N, C-alpha and C. Protein backbone atom coordinates (compact mmCIF):
# COMPACT_ATOMS: atom_id res chain seq x y z
N MET A 1 -25.80 -37.97 0.52
CA MET A 1 -24.45 -38.17 0.60
C MET A 1 -23.54 -37.01 0.18
N LEU A 2 -22.47 -36.59 0.61
CA LEU A 2 -21.61 -35.46 0.00
C LEU A 2 -20.92 -36.06 -1.07
N ASP A 3 -20.95 -35.07 -2.00
CA ASP A 3 -20.08 -35.44 -3.12
C ASP A 3 -18.83 -35.21 -3.08
N GLU A 4 -17.89 -36.23 -3.28
CA GLU A 4 -16.56 -36.46 -2.75
C GLU A 4 -15.87 -35.56 -3.79
N SER A 5 -16.37 -35.51 -5.09
CA SER A 5 -15.49 -34.86 -6.17
C SER A 5 -15.81 -33.31 -5.80
N ALA A 6 -16.90 -32.72 -5.21
CA ALA A 6 -17.07 -31.50 -4.83
C ALA A 6 -16.21 -31.13 -3.66
N ALA A 7 -16.13 -32.18 -2.69
CA ALA A 7 -15.32 -31.79 -1.45
C ALA A 7 -13.92 -31.74 -1.79
N MET A 8 -13.45 -32.49 -2.46
CA MET A 8 -11.96 -32.50 -2.69
C MET A 8 -11.29 -31.12 -3.19
N PRO A 9 -11.84 -30.51 -4.18
CA PRO A 9 -11.33 -29.06 -4.48
C PRO A 9 -11.42 -28.00 -3.23
N ARG A 10 -12.41 -28.37 -2.60
CA ARG A 10 -12.64 -27.22 -1.31
C ARG A 10 -11.39 -27.67 -0.36
N GLN A 11 -11.11 -29.09 -0.16
CA GLN A 11 -10.02 -29.40 0.94
C GLN A 11 -8.64 -28.81 0.23
N GLN A 12 -8.72 -29.13 -1.07
CA GLN A 12 -7.45 -28.61 -1.47
C GLN A 12 -7.23 -27.14 -1.55
N ARG A 13 -8.34 -26.52 -1.85
CA ARG A 13 -8.08 -24.97 -1.47
C ARG A 13 -7.87 -24.58 -0.24
N ARG A 14 -8.31 -25.22 0.91
CA ARG A 14 -7.90 -24.85 2.21
C ARG A 14 -6.65 -25.15 2.61
N ARG A 15 -6.02 -26.25 1.95
CA ARG A 15 -4.75 -26.76 2.13
C ARG A 15 -3.99 -25.62 1.33
N THR A 16 -4.25 -24.98 0.38
CA THR A 16 -3.34 -24.28 -0.41
C THR A 16 -3.23 -22.94 0.26
N LEU A 17 -4.56 -22.64 0.81
CA LEU A 17 -4.59 -21.16 1.59
C LEU A 17 -3.64 -21.48 2.79
N ALA A 18 -3.64 -22.39 3.44
CA ALA A 18 -2.88 -22.65 4.73
C ALA A 18 -1.25 -22.58 4.40
N GLN A 19 -1.07 -23.42 3.23
CA GLN A 19 0.42 -23.28 3.03
C GLN A 19 0.74 -21.93 2.39
N ASP A 20 -0.01 -21.15 1.87
CA ASP A 20 0.31 -19.85 1.35
C ASP A 20 0.56 -19.13 2.77
N ALA A 21 -0.20 -19.17 3.58
CA ALA A 21 -0.25 -18.20 4.79
C ALA A 21 1.21 -18.40 5.45
N VAL A 22 1.79 -19.70 5.24
CA VAL A 22 2.95 -19.74 5.92
C VAL A 22 4.37 -19.74 5.24
N ASN A 23 4.02 -19.43 4.05
CA ASN A 23 5.32 -19.14 3.28
C ASN A 23 6.06 -17.73 3.49
N LEU A 24 7.38 -17.75 3.41
CA LEU A 24 7.99 -16.59 3.70
C LEU A 24 7.67 -15.12 3.73
N PRO A 25 7.18 -15.04 2.44
CA PRO A 25 6.85 -13.50 1.83
C PRO A 25 5.60 -13.52 2.62
N ASN A 26 4.52 -14.18 2.80
CA ASN A 26 3.35 -13.69 3.46
C ASN A 26 3.32 -13.64 5.00
N LEU A 27 4.55 -14.44 5.52
CA LEU A 27 4.74 -14.40 7.01
C LEU A 27 5.05 -13.01 7.30
N LEU A 28 6.03 -12.36 6.33
CA LEU A 28 6.61 -11.02 6.55
C LEU A 28 5.55 -10.03 6.31
N THR A 29 4.81 -10.35 5.45
CA THR A 29 3.27 -9.52 5.27
C THR A 29 2.55 -9.39 6.56
N LEU A 30 2.23 -10.72 7.08
CA LEU A 30 1.41 -10.88 8.30
C LEU A 30 2.27 -10.22 9.63
N ALA A 31 3.55 -10.00 9.23
CA ALA A 31 4.40 -9.25 10.38
C ALA A 31 3.99 -7.94 10.66
N ARG A 32 3.96 -7.47 9.22
CA ARG A 32 3.65 -5.97 8.89
C ARG A 32 2.51 -5.53 9.59
N ILE A 33 1.35 -6.50 9.43
CA ILE A 33 -0.06 -6.12 9.92
C ILE A 33 0.08 -6.17 11.47
N GLY A 34 0.69 -6.87 11.90
CA GLY A 34 1.03 -7.45 13.38
C GLY A 34 1.65 -6.32 14.02
N ALA A 35 2.63 -5.70 13.27
CA ALA A 35 3.30 -4.41 13.90
C ALA A 35 2.37 -3.19 14.23
N ILE A 36 1.29 -3.20 13.64
CA ILE A 36 0.40 -2.00 13.76
C ILE A 36 0.07 -1.75 15.18
N PRO A 37 -0.48 -2.57 16.09
CA PRO A 37 -0.89 -2.45 17.41
C PRO A 37 0.36 -1.61 18.14
N PHE A 38 1.84 -2.46 17.96
CA PHE A 38 2.87 -1.88 18.60
C PHE A 38 3.22 -0.48 18.23
N LEU A 39 3.04 -0.11 16.91
CA LEU A 39 3.37 1.29 16.58
C LEU A 39 2.44 2.17 17.20
N VAL A 40 1.08 1.90 17.09
CA VAL A 40 -0.01 2.79 17.69
C VAL A 40 0.32 2.69 19.15
N TRP A 41 0.64 1.86 20.01
CA TRP A 41 1.08 1.76 21.52
C TRP A 41 2.24 2.71 21.66
N LEU A 42 3.29 2.87 20.80
CA LEU A 42 4.28 3.67 21.03
C LEU A 42 3.98 5.06 20.94
N LEU A 43 2.84 5.43 19.72
CA LEU A 43 2.52 6.75 19.40
C LEU A 43 1.74 7.39 20.23
N ASN A 44 1.06 6.31 21.20
CA ASN A 44 -0.12 6.79 22.13
C ASN A 44 0.70 7.79 23.18
N SER A 45 1.95 7.37 23.72
CA SER A 45 2.37 8.42 24.75
C SER A 45 3.81 8.78 24.22
N PRO A 46 3.66 10.03 23.53
CA PRO A 46 4.82 10.40 22.50
C PRO A 46 5.89 10.98 23.48
N THR A 47 7.03 10.42 23.19
CA THR A 47 8.32 10.83 23.76
C THR A 47 9.40 10.97 22.91
N PRO A 48 10.51 11.46 22.93
CA PRO A 48 11.80 11.39 21.85
C PRO A 48 11.92 9.71 21.76
N LEU A 49 12.12 9.08 22.86
CA LEU A 49 12.50 7.69 22.91
C LEU A 49 11.47 6.76 22.14
N ARG A 50 10.02 7.08 22.48
CA ARG A 50 9.35 6.03 21.80
C ARG A 50 8.97 6.55 20.31
N GLY A 51 9.30 7.79 20.30
CA GLY A 51 9.05 8.20 18.68
C GLY A 51 10.34 7.55 17.77
N PHE A 52 11.46 7.43 18.52
CA PHE A 52 12.40 6.63 17.70
C PHE A 52 12.16 5.25 17.53
N TRP A 53 11.59 4.56 18.38
CA TRP A 53 11.26 3.23 18.18
C TRP A 53 10.05 2.95 17.36
N ALA A 54 9.31 3.89 17.51
CA ALA A 54 7.96 4.20 16.63
C ALA A 54 8.74 4.12 14.98
N CYS A 55 9.42 4.91 14.76
CA CYS A 55 10.17 5.13 13.50
C CYS A 55 10.86 3.85 13.26
N ILE A 56 11.54 3.32 14.14
CA ILE A 56 12.20 1.71 13.94
C ILE A 56 11.26 0.77 13.06
N VAL A 57 10.10 0.80 13.84
CA VAL A 57 9.02 -0.15 13.76
C VAL A 57 8.27 0.09 12.21
N PHE A 58 7.99 1.38 11.97
CA PHE A 58 7.47 1.75 10.67
C PHE A 58 8.55 1.53 9.60
N THR A 59 9.82 1.80 9.81
CA THR A 59 10.78 1.68 8.86
C THR A 59 10.88 0.02 8.34
N LEU A 60 10.96 -0.67 9.34
CA LEU A 60 10.97 -2.14 9.07
C LEU A 60 9.94 -2.66 8.44
N ALA A 61 8.80 -2.18 8.74
CA ALA A 61 7.51 -2.52 8.17
C ALA A 61 7.82 -2.01 6.59
N ALA A 62 8.22 -1.05 6.36
CA ALA A 62 8.40 -0.44 4.89
C ALA A 62 9.36 -1.36 4.32
N VAL A 63 10.47 -1.79 4.89
CA VAL A 63 11.52 -2.58 4.21
C VAL A 63 10.82 -3.97 3.99
N THR A 64 9.80 -4.61 4.97
CA THR A 64 9.46 -5.75 4.49
C THR A 64 8.42 -5.56 3.48
N ASP A 65 7.75 -4.59 2.99
CA ASP A 65 6.95 -4.34 2.05
C ASP A 65 7.77 -4.58 0.69
N MET A 66 9.03 -3.80 0.55
CA MET A 66 9.66 -4.03 -0.32
C MET A 66 10.30 -5.84 -0.65
N LEU A 67 10.51 -6.18 0.52
CA LEU A 67 11.33 -7.48 0.54
C LEU A 67 10.20 -8.61 0.35
N ASP A 68 8.97 -8.53 0.58
CA ASP A 68 7.91 -9.61 0.50
C ASP A 68 7.65 -9.94 -0.90
N GLY A 69 7.40 -9.04 -1.70
CA GLY A 69 7.18 -8.95 -3.20
C GLY A 69 8.36 -9.81 -3.80
N TYR A 70 9.83 -9.22 -3.51
CA TYR A 70 10.80 -9.70 -4.23
C TYR A 70 10.83 -11.22 -3.91
N LEU A 71 10.92 -11.62 -2.66
CA LEU A 71 11.03 -13.00 -2.15
C LEU A 71 9.73 -13.99 -2.79
N ALA A 72 8.65 -13.20 -2.82
CA ALA A 72 7.53 -14.22 -3.53
C ALA A 72 7.85 -14.46 -4.97
N ARG A 73 8.62 -13.52 -5.82
CA ARG A 73 8.77 -13.84 -7.21
C ARG A 73 10.09 -14.74 -7.18
N LYS A 74 11.14 -14.35 -6.50
CA LYS A 74 12.37 -15.07 -6.40
C LYS A 74 11.96 -16.66 -6.10
N LEU A 75 11.34 -16.82 -5.06
CA LEU A 75 10.98 -18.26 -4.60
C LEU A 75 10.15 -18.72 -5.43
N GLY A 76 9.41 -18.26 -6.32
CA GLY A 76 8.27 -18.75 -7.09
C GLY A 76 7.20 -19.19 -6.22
N VAL A 77 6.75 -18.25 -5.18
CA VAL A 77 5.45 -18.44 -4.30
C VAL A 77 4.58 -17.55 -4.47
N VAL A 78 4.42 -16.87 -5.32
CA VAL A 78 3.39 -15.72 -5.45
C VAL A 78 2.03 -16.26 -5.58
N SER A 79 1.24 -15.82 -4.72
CA SER A 79 -0.14 -16.39 -4.12
C SER A 79 -1.34 -15.48 -4.36
N VAL A 80 -2.54 -16.08 -4.39
CA VAL A 80 -3.59 -15.17 -4.25
C VAL A 80 -3.66 -14.47 -3.14
N LEU A 81 -3.40 -15.31 -1.84
CA LEU A 81 -3.41 -14.57 -0.62
C LEU A 81 -2.29 -13.46 -0.45
N GLY A 82 -1.31 -13.81 -1.19
CA GLY A 82 -0.40 -12.63 -0.98
C GLY A 82 -0.61 -11.47 -1.72
N LYS A 83 -1.08 -11.63 -2.84
CA LYS A 83 -1.68 -10.37 -3.75
C LYS A 83 -2.81 -9.79 -3.00
N PHE A 84 -3.51 -10.36 -2.24
CA PHE A 84 -4.72 -9.65 -1.29
C PHE A 84 -3.88 -8.96 0.03
N LEU A 85 -3.12 -9.76 0.67
CA LEU A 85 -2.49 -9.26 1.79
C LEU A 85 -1.65 -8.14 1.72
N ASP A 86 -0.83 -8.30 0.63
CA ASP A 86 0.48 -7.21 0.54
C ASP A 86 -0.02 -5.56 0.55
N PRO A 87 -1.16 -5.44 -0.59
CA PRO A 87 -1.55 -4.05 -0.55
C PRO A 87 -2.37 -3.76 0.85
N LEU A 88 -3.08 -4.62 1.28
CA LEU A 88 -3.89 -4.48 2.42
C LEU A 88 -2.94 -4.07 3.68
N ALA A 89 -1.91 -4.84 3.82
CA ALA A 89 -0.83 -4.54 4.92
C ALA A 89 -0.41 -3.24 4.81
N ASP A 90 0.13 -2.61 3.44
CA ASP A 90 0.43 -1.33 3.35
C ASP A 90 -0.65 -0.23 3.70
N LYS A 91 -1.77 -0.44 3.28
CA LYS A 91 -2.84 0.77 3.53
C LYS A 91 -3.10 0.79 5.18
N LEU A 92 -3.02 -0.45 5.60
CA LEU A 92 -3.53 -0.38 7.00
C LEU A 92 -2.44 0.23 7.94
N ILE A 93 -1.12 -0.08 7.64
CA ILE A 93 -0.08 0.68 8.37
C ILE A 93 0.18 2.05 8.27
N VAL A 94 -0.20 2.53 6.94
CA VAL A 94 -0.25 3.89 6.70
C VAL A 94 -1.31 4.60 7.10
N MET A 95 -2.41 3.96 7.12
CA MET A 95 -3.77 4.50 7.46
C MET A 95 -3.80 4.62 9.19
N ALA A 96 -3.14 3.61 9.80
CA ALA A 96 -2.98 3.68 11.23
C ALA A 96 -2.13 4.54 11.80
N ALA A 97 -1.04 4.85 11.08
CA ALA A 97 -0.18 6.04 11.49
C ALA A 97 -0.74 7.38 11.27
N LEU A 98 -1.36 7.42 9.95
CA LEU A 98 -1.54 8.91 9.68
C LEU A 98 -2.85 9.25 10.58
N VAL A 99 -3.82 8.45 10.88
CA VAL A 99 -4.76 8.80 11.84
C VAL A 99 -4.28 8.91 13.22
N TRP A 100 -3.43 8.18 13.63
CA TRP A 100 -2.95 8.49 15.15
C TRP A 100 -2.06 9.70 14.94
N LEU A 101 -1.62 10.24 14.12
CA LEU A 101 -0.72 11.70 14.10
C LEU A 101 -1.74 12.78 14.24
N VAL A 102 -3.11 12.70 13.61
CA VAL A 102 -3.86 13.84 13.72
C VAL A 102 -3.95 14.41 15.17
N PRO A 103 -4.51 13.41 16.08
CA PRO A 103 -4.62 14.13 17.46
C PRO A 103 -3.28 14.59 18.08
N MET A 104 -2.18 14.13 17.55
CA MET A 104 -1.01 14.41 18.23
C MET A 104 -0.85 15.85 17.71
N GLY A 105 -1.26 16.43 16.54
CA GLY A 105 -1.17 17.61 16.02
C GLY A 105 0.00 18.00 15.02
N ARG A 106 0.23 16.57 14.49
CA ARG A 106 1.56 16.55 13.73
C ARG A 106 1.03 16.61 12.24
N ILE A 107 -0.05 16.30 11.80
CA ILE A 107 -0.80 16.26 10.39
C ILE A 107 -2.17 16.70 10.54
N PRO A 108 -2.45 17.80 9.69
CA PRO A 108 -3.92 18.11 9.57
C PRO A 108 -4.84 17.09 9.21
N ALA A 109 -5.80 17.21 9.90
CA ALA A 109 -6.94 15.94 9.45
C ALA A 109 -7.22 16.06 7.85
N TRP A 110 -7.18 17.19 7.48
CA TRP A 110 -8.15 17.51 5.98
C TRP A 110 -7.07 16.36 5.13
N THR A 111 -5.79 16.81 5.47
CA THR A 111 -4.66 16.12 4.46
C THR A 111 -4.89 14.48 4.68
N VAL A 112 -5.23 14.01 5.88
CA VAL A 112 -5.43 12.49 5.76
C VAL A 112 -6.45 12.11 5.17
N VAL A 113 -7.65 13.00 5.29
CA VAL A 113 -8.93 12.48 4.48
C VAL A 113 -8.66 12.45 3.19
N LEU A 114 -7.90 13.37 2.64
CA LEU A 114 -7.70 13.45 1.21
C LEU A 114 -6.90 12.08 0.64
N LEU A 115 -5.92 12.01 1.43
CA LEU A 115 -5.03 10.77 1.21
C LEU A 115 -5.78 9.37 1.30
N LEU A 116 -6.73 9.43 2.25
CA LEU A 116 -7.39 8.11 2.44
C LEU A 116 -8.49 8.07 1.53
N ALA A 117 -8.93 8.95 1.15
CA ALA A 117 -10.11 9.26 0.01
C ALA A 117 -9.49 8.73 -1.55
N ARG A 118 -8.30 9.21 -1.70
CA ARG A 118 -7.60 8.83 -2.90
C ARG A 118 -7.37 7.22 -2.92
N GLU A 119 -6.74 6.79 -1.76
CA GLU A 119 -6.42 5.32 -1.49
C GLU A 119 -7.92 4.54 -1.78
N ILE A 120 -8.91 4.80 -1.35
CA ILE A 120 -10.13 4.31 -1.40
C ILE A 120 -10.94 4.23 -2.94
N SER A 121 -10.41 5.28 -3.40
CA SER A 121 -10.93 5.42 -4.59
C SER A 121 -10.22 4.61 -5.84
N VAL A 122 -8.83 4.78 -5.65
CA VAL A 122 -8.16 3.98 -6.43
C VAL A 122 -8.22 2.49 -6.43
N THR A 123 -8.25 2.13 -5.16
CA THR A 123 -8.53 0.55 -4.85
C THR A 123 -9.85 0.26 -5.48
N GLY A 124 -10.96 0.83 -5.25
CA GLY A 124 -12.19 0.57 -5.94
C GLY A 124 -11.96 0.31 -7.33
N LEU A 125 -11.35 1.27 -7.99
CA LEU A 125 -11.08 1.48 -9.56
C LEU A 125 -10.53 0.21 -9.84
N ARG A 126 -9.16 0.13 -9.29
CA ARG A 126 -8.44 -1.17 -9.56
C ARG A 126 -9.38 -2.51 -9.46
N SER A 127 -10.45 -2.45 -8.37
CA SER A 127 -11.07 -3.88 -8.41
C SER A 127 -11.92 -4.06 -9.54
N VAL A 128 -12.63 -2.76 -9.73
CA VAL A 128 -13.69 -2.93 -10.96
C VAL A 128 -12.99 -3.27 -12.32
N ALA A 129 -11.69 -2.64 -12.39
CA ALA A 129 -10.96 -2.89 -13.64
C ALA A 129 -10.44 -4.45 -13.39
N ALA A 130 -10.06 -4.96 -12.33
CA ALA A 130 -9.75 -6.34 -12.30
C ALA A 130 -11.18 -7.35 -12.59
N SER A 131 -11.97 -6.99 -12.19
CA SER A 131 -13.17 -7.68 -12.56
C SER A 131 -13.52 -7.79 -14.30
N GLU A 132 -13.08 -6.74 -14.72
CA GLU A 132 -13.42 -6.57 -16.21
C GLU A 132 -12.15 -7.25 -16.96
N GLY A 133 -11.14 -7.74 -16.19
CA GLY A 133 -10.05 -8.43 -16.93
C GLY A 133 -8.96 -7.53 -17.11
N VAL A 134 -9.10 -6.16 -16.75
CA VAL A 134 -7.83 -5.27 -17.01
C VAL A 134 -7.01 -4.97 -15.83
N VAL A 135 -5.70 -4.95 -15.93
CA VAL A 135 -4.71 -4.76 -14.69
C VAL A 135 -4.18 -3.62 -14.98
N ILE A 136 -4.29 -2.69 -13.99
CA ILE A 136 -3.50 -1.33 -13.92
C ILE A 136 -2.34 -1.43 -13.16
N SER A 137 -1.33 -1.24 -13.67
CA SER A 137 -0.15 -1.08 -12.69
C SER A 137 0.30 0.28 -12.33
N ALA A 138 0.84 0.42 -11.23
CA ALA A 138 1.19 1.75 -10.54
C ALA A 138 2.24 2.24 -11.76
N GLY A 139 2.06 3.64 -11.91
CA GLY A 139 2.99 4.39 -12.71
C GLY A 139 4.02 5.08 -11.80
N GLN A 140 5.13 5.96 -12.51
CA GLN A 140 5.98 6.67 -11.71
C GLN A 140 5.32 7.63 -10.74
N GLU A 141 4.19 8.05 -10.82
CA GLU A 141 3.57 9.23 -10.04
C GLU A 141 3.24 8.27 -8.68
N GLY A 142 2.62 7.15 -8.90
CA GLY A 142 2.06 6.39 -7.80
C GLY A 142 3.52 5.85 -6.95
N LYS A 143 4.32 5.48 -7.62
CA LYS A 143 5.53 5.16 -6.82
C LYS A 143 6.19 6.16 -6.15
N MET A 144 6.27 7.33 -6.79
CA MET A 144 6.87 8.62 -6.19
C MET A 144 5.85 9.16 -4.98
N LYS A 145 4.59 8.76 -4.99
CA LYS A 145 3.81 9.20 -3.88
C LYS A 145 4.12 8.38 -2.85
N THR A 146 4.27 6.98 -2.99
CA THR A 146 4.50 6.01 -1.95
C THR A 146 5.72 6.28 -1.18
N ALA A 147 6.83 6.62 -2.21
CA ALA A 147 8.10 6.97 -1.48
C ALA A 147 7.95 8.23 -0.49
N LEU A 148 7.49 9.26 -1.15
CA LEU A 148 7.32 10.74 -0.19
C LEU A 148 6.57 10.24 1.02
N GLN A 149 5.42 9.51 0.61
CA GLN A 149 4.38 9.35 2.11
C GLN A 149 5.07 8.48 3.11
N MET A 150 6.04 7.59 2.64
CA MET A 150 6.78 6.50 3.49
C MET A 150 7.60 7.41 4.25
N ILE A 151 8.57 8.27 3.52
CA ILE A 151 9.73 9.01 4.43
C ILE A 151 8.86 10.08 5.05
N GLY A 152 7.71 10.70 4.71
CA GLY A 152 7.09 11.90 5.12
C GLY A 152 6.59 11.11 6.64
N ILE A 153 6.09 10.08 6.51
CA ILE A 153 5.54 9.36 7.83
C ILE A 153 6.52 9.18 8.89
N VAL A 154 7.85 8.62 8.33
CA VAL A 154 8.90 8.53 9.28
C VAL A 154 9.13 9.75 9.93
N ALA A 155 9.29 10.78 9.21
CA ALA A 155 9.68 12.06 9.88
C ALA A 155 8.58 12.60 10.90
N LEU A 156 7.28 12.34 10.53
CA LEU A 156 6.29 12.74 11.57
C LEU A 156 6.26 11.98 12.72
N VAL A 157 6.59 10.72 12.48
CA VAL A 157 6.43 9.68 13.67
C VAL A 157 7.76 10.08 14.56
N LEU A 158 8.96 10.57 14.15
CA LEU A 158 10.00 11.00 14.87
C LEU A 158 9.70 12.34 15.86
N GLY A 159 8.98 13.04 15.19
CA GLY A 159 8.26 14.35 15.57
C GLY A 159 8.90 15.12 16.47
N TYR A 160 10.25 15.24 16.53
CA TYR A 160 10.62 16.28 17.38
C TYR A 160 11.98 16.99 16.63
N PRO A 161 12.36 18.31 17.44
CA PRO A 161 13.63 18.84 16.59
C PRO A 161 14.91 18.11 16.93
N TYR A 162 15.76 18.04 15.77
CA TYR A 162 16.99 17.15 15.82
C TYR A 162 17.89 18.17 15.42
N HIS A 163 19.06 18.18 16.08
CA HIS A 163 20.47 18.60 15.53
C HIS A 163 21.03 17.61 14.29
N LEU A 164 21.08 18.09 13.13
CA LEU A 164 21.51 17.25 12.05
C LEU A 164 22.80 17.70 11.66
N ALA A 165 23.36 16.84 11.05
CA ALA A 165 24.90 16.96 10.27
C ALA A 165 24.71 16.18 9.14
N TYR A 166 25.24 16.45 8.08
CA TYR A 166 25.47 15.61 6.88
C TYR A 166 26.52 15.99 6.11
N LEU A 167 27.48 14.64 6.03
CA LEU A 167 28.64 14.82 5.34
C LEU A 167 29.89 16.00 6.04
N GLY A 168 29.71 16.26 7.58
CA GLY A 168 30.41 17.09 8.01
C GLY A 168 29.72 18.60 7.87
N LEU A 169 28.62 18.56 7.16
CA LEU A 169 28.05 19.96 6.98
C LEU A 169 26.88 19.90 8.32
N ASP A 170 27.08 21.17 8.96
CA ASP A 170 26.06 21.33 10.08
C ASP A 170 24.69 21.76 9.45
N LEU A 171 23.54 21.16 9.65
CA LEU A 171 22.35 21.43 9.09
C LEU A 171 21.56 22.17 10.17
N GLY A 172 22.24 22.29 11.41
CA GLY A 172 21.56 22.87 12.73
C GLY A 172 20.16 22.16 13.21
N VAL A 173 19.46 22.95 13.68
CA VAL A 173 18.33 21.89 14.52
C VAL A 173 17.23 21.85 13.33
N VAL A 174 16.57 20.79 13.03
CA VAL A 174 15.61 20.41 11.97
C VAL A 174 14.37 19.93 12.71
N ASP A 175 13.19 20.50 12.49
CA ASP A 175 12.04 20.04 13.20
C ASP A 175 11.50 18.95 12.32
N MET A 176 11.50 17.65 12.68
CA MET A 176 10.96 16.49 11.92
C MET A 176 9.64 16.71 11.46
N VAL A 177 8.94 17.52 12.62
CA VAL A 177 7.29 17.59 12.02
C VAL A 177 7.12 18.32 10.68
N HIS A 178 7.91 19.67 10.41
CA HIS A 178 7.93 20.30 9.37
C HIS A 178 8.40 19.84 8.10
N VAL A 179 9.43 18.64 8.07
CA VAL A 179 9.93 18.09 6.95
C VAL A 179 8.98 17.06 6.73
N GLY A 180 8.42 16.30 7.63
CA GLY A 180 7.15 15.37 7.36
C GLY A 180 6.05 15.85 6.63
N ARG A 181 5.82 16.99 7.11
CA ARG A 181 4.54 17.65 6.68
C ARG A 181 4.61 18.22 5.17
N SER A 182 5.91 18.69 4.89
CA SER A 182 6.19 19.25 3.62
C SER A 182 6.11 17.82 2.58
N LEU A 183 6.66 16.71 2.97
CA LEU A 183 6.78 15.65 2.30
C LEU A 183 5.39 14.96 1.95
N ILE A 184 4.64 15.11 3.04
CA ILE A 184 3.17 14.46 2.79
C ILE A 184 2.38 15.48 1.86
N TYR A 185 2.61 16.72 2.14
CA TYR A 185 1.96 17.73 1.08
C TYR A 185 2.42 17.36 -0.24
N LEU A 186 3.60 17.13 -0.52
CA LEU A 186 4.19 17.11 -1.86
C LEU A 186 3.63 15.58 -2.36
N SER A 187 3.41 14.71 -1.60
CA SER A 187 2.84 13.34 -1.93
C SER A 187 1.51 13.53 -2.26
N LEU A 188 0.54 14.53 -1.73
CA LEU A 188 -0.77 14.94 -2.22
C LEU A 188 -0.64 15.05 -3.71
N LEU A 189 0.23 16.05 -4.08
CA LEU A 189 0.21 16.23 -5.64
C LEU A 189 0.30 15.13 -6.47
N PHE A 190 1.22 14.28 -5.93
CA PHE A 190 1.72 13.19 -6.80
C PHE A 190 0.46 11.99 -6.77
N SER A 191 -0.27 12.15 -5.55
CA SER A 191 -1.35 11.01 -5.18
C SER A 191 -2.70 11.44 -6.37
N PHE A 192 -2.97 12.61 -6.43
CA PHE A 192 -4.01 12.92 -7.38
C PHE A 192 -3.56 12.83 -8.94
N ALA A 193 -2.32 12.99 -9.00
CA ALA A 193 -1.67 13.00 -10.59
C ALA A 193 -1.80 11.45 -10.74
N SER A 194 -1.20 10.54 -9.99
CA SER A 194 -1.23 9.03 -10.31
C SER A 194 -2.75 8.53 -10.47
N ALA A 195 -3.64 9.04 -9.57
CA ALA A 195 -5.30 9.00 -9.48
C ALA A 195 -5.76 9.32 -10.97
N ALA A 196 -5.45 10.33 -11.59
CA ALA A 196 -5.85 10.63 -12.93
C ALA A 196 -5.42 9.86 -13.77
N GLN A 197 -4.05 9.32 -13.70
CA GLN A 197 -3.46 8.39 -14.50
C GLN A 197 -4.14 6.90 -14.66
N TYR A 198 -4.60 6.66 -13.43
CA TYR A 198 -5.60 5.33 -13.35
C TYR A 198 -6.73 5.75 -13.65
N VAL A 199 -7.15 6.60 -13.98
CA VAL A 199 -8.59 6.90 -14.35
C VAL A 199 -8.58 6.67 -16.03
N ARG A 200 -7.50 7.42 -16.44
CA ARG A 200 -7.09 7.36 -18.06
C ARG A 200 -6.96 6.02 -18.45
N LEU A 201 -6.12 5.15 -17.73
CA LEU A 201 -5.78 4.11 -18.18
C LEU A 201 -6.74 3.06 -18.22
N PHE A 202 -7.86 3.32 -17.09
CA PHE A 202 -8.99 2.46 -16.99
C PHE A 202 -9.97 2.67 -18.20
N ALA A 203 -10.06 4.14 -18.45
CA ALA A 203 -11.29 4.31 -19.52
C ALA A 203 -10.44 3.78 -20.95
N ALA A 204 -9.31 4.04 -21.09
CA ALA A 204 -8.49 3.20 -22.33
C ALA A 204 -8.84 1.93 -22.32
N ALA A 205 -8.49 1.26 -21.45
CA ALA A 205 -8.49 -0.29 -21.30
C ALA A 205 -10.00 -0.58 -21.41
N VAL A 206 -10.84 -0.19 -20.86
CA VAL A 206 -12.46 -0.58 -21.03
C VAL A 206 -12.78 -0.39 -22.30
N GLU A 207 -12.40 0.78 -22.92
CA GLU A 207 -13.02 1.13 -24.30
C GLU A 207 -12.36 0.08 -25.28
N ALA A 208 -11.01 -0.39 -25.03
CA ALA A 208 -10.46 -1.40 -25.82
C ALA A 208 -10.98 -2.79 -25.87
N ASN A 209 -11.56 -3.06 -24.49
CA ASN A 209 -12.18 -4.23 -24.35
C ASN A 209 -13.52 -4.38 -25.11
N GLU A 210 -14.18 -3.17 -25.07
CA GLU A 210 -15.42 -3.10 -25.59
C GLU A 210 -15.27 -3.26 -27.21
N LYS A 211 -14.45 -2.63 -27.78
CA LYS A 211 -14.13 -2.71 -29.13
C LYS A 211 -13.75 -4.20 -29.54
N ALA A 212 -13.00 -4.71 -28.73
CA ALA A 212 -12.54 -6.21 -28.86
C ALA A 212 -13.66 -7.16 -28.93
N ASN A 213 -14.71 -6.84 -28.02
CA ASN A 213 -15.77 -7.90 -27.78
C ASN A 213 -16.78 -7.44 -28.93
N GLU A 214 -17.02 -6.32 -29.43
CA GLU A 214 -17.71 -5.88 -30.69
C GLU A 214 -17.16 -6.66 -31.80
N LYS A 215 -15.69 -6.66 -31.96
CA LYS A 215 -15.41 -7.53 -33.08
C LYS A 215 -15.34 -8.76 -33.07
N ALA A 216 -15.30 -9.41 -31.83
CA ALA A 216 -15.57 -10.83 -31.72
C ALA A 216 -17.12 -11.17 -31.89
N ASN A 217 -17.79 -10.21 -31.38
CA ASN A 217 -19.53 -10.66 -31.67
C ASN A 217 -19.73 -10.29 -33.16
N GLU A 218 -19.12 -9.62 -33.73
CA GLU A 218 -19.41 -9.33 -35.09
C GLU A 218 -19.00 -10.85 -36.00
N ARG A 219 -17.66 -11.19 -35.54
CA ARG A 219 -17.27 -12.56 -36.31
C ARG A 219 -18.11 -13.76 -35.91
N LYS A 220 -18.67 -13.64 -34.85
CA LYS A 220 -19.66 -14.95 -34.66
C LYS A 220 -21.09 -14.59 -35.22
N ARG A 221 -21.33 -13.36 -35.76
CA ARG A 221 -22.52 -13.29 -36.48
C ARG A 221 -22.46 -13.21 -37.92
N ALA A 222 -20.96 -13.27 -38.46
CA ALA A 222 -20.98 -13.14 -39.62
C ALA A 222 -20.99 -14.51 -40.20
N PRO A 223 -21.87 -14.73 -41.46
CA PRO A 223 -21.93 -16.20 -42.15
C PRO A 223 -20.64 -16.96 -42.43
N GLY A 224 -20.50 -18.05 -42.10
CA GLY A 224 -19.43 -18.98 -41.96
C GLY A 224 -19.33 -19.32 -43.43
């Protein structure tokens, strides 16, 4: 017979995950993932109009990235599912946009390879750290990297020259591809600076954990 005491926690976990999936912050995160096919479709046949709408889609996705975390904390619905989906959604939409921009000639392939390699490496490092009970938070370099990357992708998605003016100052015709590339190149510097910071923090945290474990073991071996 099925052990009811074992079945109950599984049913409770399933209900909890189902409830987590339909709370507002996670719905926003899922909407961000759902926007990826639409973004790719808009970029597939580039025109100034489709580039404008692709920019709107990506910008709205970036806004929901900031909003879902705030709402989760404000409403008290921070969940394991949300902690998994939120960074996943960010990486998926950024990866989709960058990869799709390569054949369009708007960003070199080597840049995308370096950015994705950094993201995969840092994600793996943070996963290992979490398994050791170490939480590594994003530093200022990582936040700056994200901001530059998002703005750079928006410019690359727009992807055409525009006549711009700001506060009555005529800026002339500005090629958004050049603006976007410059921002992405700059974000590369912050990417590797933040990756180096993650490695230092990881090494320091692991060393501190090992020392704490050694002291705990010494206390256990010490005669009472």
